[in-house]
Amino acid sequence: MLTRMKKMLKKEKGFTLVELLAVIAILAIIVAIAVPTIGNVISKSEEKATTANEELVENAARLADVSDVTPATGSAYTIGELKTAGFLDVGDDFELKGTVLVETTTDGGKTFTYTDPK
């Protein structure tokens, strides 16, 4: 009977507490490395999206200017003006709320600069 018990104990398979703690520690290290990296990727992608949206609005203002659409304020197009005139096709949830300032340069050209109201 004693030999039978010993055989049964030898057949038991599983993880010890130390092994489980080691796995948890390794996973914690991986998470500690991955989370800041993912946060940086998200932050950079948001910055790139904002820059692309600003360029989109500036280009819409250029189109409006070439089409002889005068800004209501005389020197800056609003997002609403560009949408109403059909130069900017974005939804109501468009994140940018600023204006595009139009300035004439000394050589007779124009610069278009998006300004954020924040």
Protein backbone atom coordinates (compact mmCIF):
# COMPACT_ATOMS: atom_id res chain seq x y z
CA MET A 1 0.00 0.00 0.00
CA LEU A 2 2.87 2.38 0.78
CA THR A 3 4.51 1.81 -2.59
CA ARG A 4 1.20 2.43 -4.27
CA MET A 5 0.91 5.82 -2.48
CA LYS A 6 4.42 6.79 -3.54
CA LYS A 7 3.60 6.01 -7.17
CA MET A 8 0.47 8.18 -6.99
CA LEU A 9 2.41 11.09 -5.52
CA LYS A 10 5.05 10.85 -8.25
CA LYS A 11 2.36 11.03 -10.95
CA GLU A 12 0.97 14.31 -9.66
CA LYS A 13 1.71 17.09 -12.10
CA GLY A 14 1.15 20.80 -11.68
CA PHE A 15 2.78 24.12 -11.01
CA THR A 16 4.29 25.12 -7.74
CA LEU A 17 3.61 28.47 -6.15
CA VAL A 18 7.13 29.63 -7.00
CA GLU A 19 6.61 28.80 -10.68
CA LEU A 20 3.32 30.70 -10.76
CA LEU A 21 4.91 33.73 -9.08
CA ALA A 22 7.76 33.65 -11.61
CA VAL A 23 5.28 33.70 -14.50
CA ILE A 24 3.36 36.58 -12.92
CA ALA A 25 6.61 38.53 -12.45
CA ILE A 26 7.58 38.00 -16.09
CA LEU A 27 4.15 39.14 -17.27
CA ALA A 28 4.39 42.23 -15.05
CA ILE A 29 7.73 43.13 -16.63
CA ILE A 30 6.29 42.73 -20.14
CA VAL A 31 3.31 44.94 -19.26
CA ALA A 32 5.58 47.56 -17.69
CA ILE A 33 7.53 47.77 -20.95
CA ALA A 34 4.55 47.60 -23.34
CA VAL A 35 2.15 50.12 -21.78
CA PRO A 36 4.34 53.24 -22.13
CA THR A 37 5.29 52.21 -25.67
CA ILE A 38 1.66 51.85 -26.69
CA GLY A 39 0.86 55.19 -25.04
CA ASN A 40 3.58 56.88 -27.09
CA VAL A 41 2.28 55.32 -30.31
CA ILE A 42 -1.24 56.56 -29.59
CA SER A 43 -0.01 60.03 -28.70
CA LYS A 44 2.06 60.33 -31.88
CA SER A 45 -0.82 59.13 -34.05
CA GLU A 46 -3.14 61.72 -32.49
CA GLU A 47 -0.58 64.46 -33.21
CA LYS A 48 -0.26 63.30 -36.83
CA ALA A 49 -4.05 63.23 -37.24
CA THR A 50 -4.36 66.77 -35.89
CA THR A 51 -1.62 68.02 -38.22
CA ALA A 52 -3.32 66.33 -41.19
CA ASN A 53 -6.67 67.92 -40.24
CA GLU A 54 -5.04 71.36 -39.99
CA GLU A 55 -3.54 70.91 -43.47
CA LEU A 56 -6.96 69.82 -44.75
CA VAL A 57 -8.58 73.00 -43.43
CA GLU A 58 -5.77 75.20 -44.80
CA ASN A 59 -6.14 73.59 -48.24
CA ALA A 60 -9.91 74.13 -48.12
CA ALA A 61 -9.24 77.82 -47.40
CA ARG A 62 -6.86 77.97 -50.37
CA LEU A 63 -9.59 76.53 -52.60
CA ALA A 64 -12.10 79.05 -51.26
CA ASP A 65 -9.65 81.90 -51.88
CA VAL A 66 -8.92 80.78 -55.44
CA SER A 67 -12.68 80.54 -56.02
CA ASP A 68 -13.03 84.19 -54.92
CA VAL A 69 -15.01 83.37 -51.79
CA THR A 70 -14.35 86.20 -49.33
CA PRO A 71 -14.15 85.34 -45.61
CA ALA A 72 -16.96 86.84 -43.53
CA THR A 73 -14.44 88.45 -41.19
CA GLY A 74 -12.36 89.72 -44.08
CA SER A 75 -9.14 87.99 -43.05
CA ALA A 76 -9.97 84.51 -41.75
CA TYR A 77 -12.14 81.60 -42.89
CA THR A 78 -14.03 79.68 -40.22
CA ILE A 79 -14.64 75.94 -40.38
CA GLY A 80 -18.37 76.64 -40.72
CA GLU A 81 -17.85 78.96 -43.70
CA LEU A 82 -15.71 76.39 -45.48
CA LYS A 83 -18.28 73.65 -44.81
CA THR A 84 -21.23 75.79 -45.95
CA ALA A 85 -19.44 76.84 -49.14
CA GLY A 86 -18.70 73.17 -49.92
CA PHE A 87 -14.92 73.36 -49.65
CA LEU A 88 -14.71 71.21 -46.54
CA ASP A 89 -16.67 67.97 -46.27
CA VAL A 90 -16.43 66.87 -42.63
CA GLY A 91 -18.95 65.73 -40.04
CA ASP A 92 -20.30 67.68 -37.08
CA ASP A 93 -17.86 65.85 -34.80
CA PHE A 94 -14.84 67.36 -36.59
CA GLU A 95 -12.34 68.13 -33.83
CA LEU A 96 -10.95 71.42 -35.14
CA LYS A 97 -12.91 74.57 -34.29
CA GLY A 98 -10.43 77.30 -35.23
CA THR A 99 -10.04 79.58 -38.23
CA VAL A 100 -7.65 79.88 -41.16
CA LEU A 101 -5.95 83.25 -41.22
CA VAL A 102 -5.20 84.58 -44.71
CA GLU A 103 -2.27 86.97 -44.94
CA THR A 104 -0.85 88.67 -48.03
CA THR A 105 2.92 88.45 -48.30
CA THR A 106 5.21 91.24 -49.54
CA ASP A 107 5.61 89.55 -52.92
CA GLY A 108 1.84 89.48 -53.48
CA GLY A 109 1.33 85.84 -52.49
CA LYS A 110 -0.82 84.60 -49.65
CA THR A 111 -0.18 82.46 -46.60
CA PHE A 112 -2.86 80.34 -44.97
CA THR A 113 -2.37 79.53 -41.30
CA TYR A 114 -4.73 77.51 -39.12
CA THR A 115 -5.21 79.07 -35.68
CA ASP A 116 -6.68 77.13 -32.80
CA PRO A 117 -9.04 79.01 -30.43
CA LYS A 118 -7.69 77.15 -27.38
